Amino acid sequence: MKVARVQAPAVINGESARAFAQEIERACMNQAYRVILITGSRGTFCRGMDLDALSDPPAGTDFTVELEAFAECLRRLRYAGKPVVAVVDGEALAGGAGIVAACDLVIATADSSFGLSELLFGLVPAIILPLLLERMPALRVRQWALTGCAHSANDARGAGLVDVVVESRQLERAVNHWVRQLSRANSAAVARLKILSAEARALGFESALRRGVSVTAETLREESVIGGIRGFLTGDSVPWEAA
């Protein structure tokens, strides 16, 4: 199976964010890819905003435009029509932790570290907050932000930000295992799940139930879905067997 590998920027600025968003979009559009891996370099996944660029911005810099470029990266990761896996082998700090939180599965080496350092500089992790709150209890997010400390991969797993922790030598094996598991999912269904899981939190229980009925009824009118069900029942080849 083909897997897209997209490297997260070591630091985030307008230029690196736009390039990152384009790479994510290319991976999403290529139907040959079943899973998207977001990787970094050894020792650094992503350290967040480019502090050098922030400290001495060119005259006329529009920070809204720069920050929206990063927000677009997070949107594309969160709503990608394919499973997205963060493979972390180093520091994932501030906006880097937000990139991690936007992914569907997070695999980290035991040597990796995670943290929210924004408050140390008078900033707030405002852009990444909705994604952090999908993974972590609100109080834990607040505590991480208030202290600004780096946390181990095991601590991050306990907080909900990381799903799988392995030794560095086991990383590739773990990635291959999860790629095989995740590649079975139907891409259209993946996209629907991501949208619905975001909507359900805002809709409330009764509205979310009604939305679920509507989406399921609509999906059951698709011949590809019915064909997959028939194939399973009759013992014929089904889509996930090709994964």
Protein backbone atom coordinates (compact mmCIF):
# COMPACT_ATOMS: atom_id res chain seq x y z
CA MET A 1 0.00 0.00 0.00
CA LYS A 2 1.16 3.56 -0.61
CA VAL A 3 1.61 5.83 2.38
CA ALA A 4 2.12 9.59 2.14
CA ARG A 5 4.89 11.00 4.33
CA VAL A 6 4.58 14.71 4.99
CA GLN A 7 7.20 16.43 7.11
CA ALA A 8 6.05 18.96 9.67
CA PRO A 9 7.99 22.24 9.65
CA ALA A 10 10.64 22.53 12.36
CA VAL A 11 9.26 25.99 13.11
CA ILE A 12 6.05 27.61 11.91
CA ASN A 13 5.91 30.83 9.92
CA GLY A 14 3.79 31.93 7.01
CA GLU A 15 6.04 30.38 4.40
CA SER A 16 6.52 27.03 6.13
CA ALA A 17 2.82 26.80 7.03
CA ARG A 18 1.70 27.39 3.46
CA ALA A 19 4.15 24.79 2.15
CA PHE A 20 2.96 22.32 4.82
CA ALA A 21 -0.69 22.90 3.90
CA GLN A 22 0.07 22.27 0.23
CA GLU A 23 1.82 18.99 1.02
CA ILE A 24 -1.12 17.86 3.13
CA GLU A 25 -3.51 18.71 0.30
CA ARG A 26 -1.43 16.79 -2.24
CA ALA A 27 -1.45 13.75 0.01
CA CYS A 28 -5.22 14.04 0.46
CA MET A 29 -5.90 14.36 -3.26
CA ASN A 30 -3.75 11.41 -4.34
CA GLN A 31 -6.12 8.43 -4.29
CA ALA A 32 -3.22 5.98 -4.18
CA TYR A 33 -2.42 6.98 -0.60
CA ARG A 34 -4.38 5.21 2.12
CA VAL A 35 -2.77 6.80 5.18
CA ILE A 36 -0.92 10.07 5.76
CA LEU A 37 2.09 10.11 8.09
CA ILE A 38 3.16 13.44 9.58
CA THR A 39 6.81 13.18 10.52
CA GLY A 40 9.63 15.39 11.72
CA SER A 41 13.36 15.05 11.89
CA ARG A 42 14.99 13.05 14.66
CA GLY A 43 15.08 15.24 17.73
CA THR A 44 12.56 17.76 16.41
CA PHE A 45 8.98 17.22 15.33
CA CYS A 46 7.93 20.89 15.46
CA ARG A 47 8.85 23.60 17.98
CA GLY A 48 5.93 25.89 17.20
CA MET A 49 6.01 29.46 15.94
CA ASP A 50 9.23 30.85 14.50
CA LEU A 51 10.36 33.09 17.37
CA ASP A 52 13.13 34.68 15.30
CA ALA A 53 10.60 35.79 12.70
CA LEU A 54 8.20 37.05 15.39
CA SER A 55 10.89 39.06 17.16
CA ASP A 56 11.88 41.08 14.08
CA PRO A 57 9.01 41.05 11.56
CA PRO A 58 9.36 42.91 8.25
CA ALA A 59 7.52 46.22 8.10
CA GLY A 60 3.87 45.74 7.23
CA THR A 61 3.72 42.10 8.31
CA ASP A 62 0.09 41.02 8.73
CA PHE A 63 0.13 38.47 11.52
CA THR A 64 -3.49 37.54 10.80
CA VAL A 65 -2.49 36.25 7.36
CA GLU A 66 0.50 34.37 8.79
CA LEU A 67 -1.55 32.75 11.56
CA GLU A 68 -4.40 31.84 9.22
CA ALA A 69 -1.89 29.89 7.14
CA PHE A 70 -1.14 27.78 10.21
CA ALA A 71 -4.83 27.42 11.06
CA GLU A 72 -5.39 26.09 7.54
CA CYS A 73 -2.82 23.35 8.17
CA LEU A 74 -4.75 22.29 11.26
CA ARG A 75 -8.05 22.27 9.35
CA ARG A 76 -6.64 20.09 6.59
CA LEU A 77 -5.20 17.61 9.09
CA ARG A 78 -8.38 17.47 11.17
CA TYR A 79 -10.70 16.95 8.20
CA ALA A 80 -8.44 14.93 5.90
CA GLY A 81 -10.38 12.18 4.15
CA LYS A 82 -7.74 9.66 5.19
CA PRO A 83 -6.38 8.55 8.54
CA VAL A 84 -3.56 10.87 9.63
CA VAL A 85 -0.82 9.59 11.94
CA ALA A 86 1.68 11.81 13.75
CA VAL A 87 5.04 10.06 14.09
CA VAL A 88 6.95 11.97 16.77
CA ASP A 89 10.60 11.37 17.55
CA GLY A 90 11.65 14.54 19.33
CA GLU A 91 10.20 17.84 20.54
CA ALA A 92 6.58 18.76 19.79
CA LEU A 93 6.07 22.12 21.45
CA ALA A 94 3.39 24.82 21.30
CA GLY A 95 2.04 24.80 17.72
CA GLY A 96 3.84 21.49 17.21
CA ALA A 97 1.64 20.01 19.93
CA GLY A 98 -1.32 21.41 18.02
CA ILE A 99 -0.25 19.59 14.86
CA VAL A 100 -0.03 16.41 16.93
CA ALA A 101 -3.50 16.99 18.39
CA ALA A 102 -5.00 17.42 14.90
CA CYS A 103 -3.97 13.90 13.90
CA ASP A 104 -6.08 10.78 14.32
CA LEU A 105 -3.35 8.69 15.91
CA VAL A 106 -0.12 9.77 17.61
CA ILE A 107 2.87 7.43 17.87
CA ALA A 108 5.82 8.79 19.82
CA THR A 109 9.19 7.49 20.88
CA ALA A 110 9.87 7.37 24.61
CA ASP A 111 12.48 10.12 24.19
CA SER A 112 9.98 12.60 22.73
CA SER A 113 8.69 15.59 24.66
CA PHE A 114 5.58 17.74 24.49
CA GLY A 115 4.68 21.11 25.93
CA LEU A 116 2.74 24.35 25.69
CA SER A 117 5.22 27.19 26.10
CA GLU A 118 3.12 30.10 24.82
CA LEU A 119 2.33 31.70 28.18
CA LEU A 120 6.02 32.09 28.91
CA PHE A 121 6.08 34.72 26.16
CA GLY A 122 2.73 36.31 26.99
CA LEU A 123 0.92 34.37 24.28
CA VAL A 124 -1.95 31.87 24.59
CA PRO A 125 -2.31 28.55 22.68
CA ALA A 126 -5.49 29.96 21.21
CA ILE A 127 -5.31 28.53 17.67
CA ILE A 128 -4.56 24.98 18.80
CA LEU A 129 -6.91 25.02 21.81
CA PRO A 130 -9.94 23.41 20.08
CA LEU A 131 -7.78 20.48 18.98
CA LEU A 132 -6.12 20.07 22.36
CA LEU A 133 -9.55 19.98 24.01
CA GLU A 134 -10.62 17.14 21.71
CA ARG A 135 -7.82 15.04 23.19
CA MET A 136 -7.10 16.33 26.68
CA PRO A 137 -9.21 17.35 29.70
CA ALA A 138 -9.58 21.13 29.88
CA LEU A 139 -7.90 21.30 33.29
CA ARG A 140 -4.86 19.38 32.04
CA VAL A 141 -4.50 21.70 29.05
CA ARG A 142 -4.67 24.70 31.38
CA GLN A 143 -2.06 23.23 33.72
CA TRP A 144 0.30 22.44 30.84
CA ALA A 145 -0.06 25.98 29.52
CA LEU A 146 0.35 27.61 32.94
CA THR A 147 3.61 25.80 33.72
CA GLY A 148 5.09 25.82 30.22
CA CYS A 149 7.02 22.68 31.14
CA ALA A 150 8.05 19.93 28.74
CA HIS A 151 6.34 16.59 29.39
CA SER A 152 7.55 13.10 28.55
CA ALA A 153 5.84 10.93 25.96
CA ASN A 154 4.42 8.75 28.73
CA ASP A 155 3.01 11.80 30.52
CA ALA A 156 1.51 12.96 27.23
CA ARG A 157 -0.07 9.54 26.75
CA GLY A 158 -1.59 9.78 30.21
CA ALA A 159 -2.98 13.20 29.33
CA GLY A 160 -4.52 11.91 26.10
CA LEU A 161 -2.29 13.74 23.61
CA VAL A 162 -0.30 10.64 22.62
CA ASP A 163 -1.77 7.22 21.82
CA VAL A 164 1.23 4.90 21.47
CA VAL A 165 4.71 5.16 23.05
CA VAL A 166 7.55 2.96 21.79
CA GLU A 167 11.31 2.83 21.96
CA SER A 168 13.09 4.43 19.02
CA ARG A 169 14.17 1.07 17.63
CA GLN A 170 10.53 -0.06 17.54
CA LEU A 171 9.15 3.04 15.86
CA GLU A 172 9.05 1.83 12.26
CA ARG A 173 7.52 -1.48 13.27
CA ALA A 174 4.79 0.28 15.24
CA VAL A 175 4.09 2.66 12.36
CA ASN A 176 3.78 -0.24 9.90
CA HIS A 177 1.38 -2.03 12.25
CA TRP A 178 -0.93 0.95 12.57
CA VAL A 179 -0.77 1.78 8.88
CA ARG A 180 -2.06 -1.72 8.11
CA GLN A 181 -4.91 -1.27 10.60
CA LEU A 182 -5.91 2.19 9.44
CA SER A 183 -5.64 1.54 5.71
CA ARG A 184 -8.74 -0.67 5.84
CA ALA A 185 -11.12 2.26 6.32
CA ASN A 186 -13.13 3.64 3.41
CA SER A 187 -11.92 7.16 2.57
CA ALA A 188 -15.40 8.62 2.16
CA ALA A 189 -16.43 7.18 5.50
CA VAL A 190 -13.30 8.59 7.12
CA ALA A 191 -14.21 12.07 5.92
CA ARG A 192 -17.78 11.70 7.20
CA LEU A 193 -16.58 10.51 10.60
CA LYS A 194 -14.28 13.47 11.03
CA ILE A 195 -16.99 15.97 10.16
CA LEU A 196 -19.60 14.29 12.36
CA SER A 197 -17.29 13.95 15.34
CA ALA A 198 -16.70 17.71 15.24
CA GLU A 199 -20.40 18.50 14.75
CA ALA A 200 -21.68 16.19 17.48
CA ARG A 201 -19.99 18.11 20.28
CA ALA A 202 -21.78 21.31 19.29
CA LEU A 203 -25.14 19.81 18.32
CA GLY A 204 -26.10 18.20 21.60
CA PHE A 205 -27.40 14.68 22.05
CA GLU A 206 -30.82 14.84 20.37
CA SER A 207 -29.68 16.91 17.40
CA ALA A 208 -26.65 14.68 16.96
CA LEU A 209 -28.90 11.60 16.90
CA ARG A 210 -31.09 13.12 14.19
CA ARG A 211 -28.01 14.12 12.22
CA GLY A 212 -26.74 10.55 12.53
CA VAL A 213 -29.99 9.13 11.16
CA SER A 214 -29.87 11.49 8.19
CA VAL A 215 -26.24 10.74 7.33
CA THR A 216 -26.68 6.97 7.67
CA ALA A 217 -29.81 6.93 5.50
CA GLU A 218 -28.02 8.99 2.87
CA THR A 219 -24.98 6.73 2.94
CA LEU A 220 -27.09 3.60 2.54
CA ARG A 221 -28.26 4.91 -0.83
CA GLU A 222 -24.70 4.68 -2.17
CA GLU A 223 -24.13 1.60 -4.35
CA SER A 224 -20.50 1.31 -3.27
CA VAL A 225 -21.60 0.92 0.35
CA ILE A 226 -24.26 -1.65 -0.43
CA GLY A 227 -21.82 -3.49 -2.68
CA GLY A 228 -19.31 -3.73 0.15
CA ILE A 229 -21.95 -5.11 2.50
CA ARG A 230 -23.04 -7.69 -0.07
CA GLY A 231 -19.44 -8.71 -0.66
CA PHE A 232 -18.92 -9.28 3.04
CA LEU A 233 -22.10 -11.36 3.39
CA THR A 234 -21.42 -13.52 0.35
CA GLY A 235 -17.74 -14.07 1.01
CA ASP A 236 -16.63 -12.17 -2.08
CA SER A 237 -13.72 -9.78 -2.08
CA VAL A 238 -14.37 -6.70 0.03
CA PRO A 239 -12.57 -3.35 -0.14
CA TRP A 240 -10.37 -3.75 2.93
CA GLU A 241 -8.89 -7.02 1.71
CA ALA A 242 -6.82 -5.07 -0.79
CA ALA A 243 -5.20 -3.04 2.01
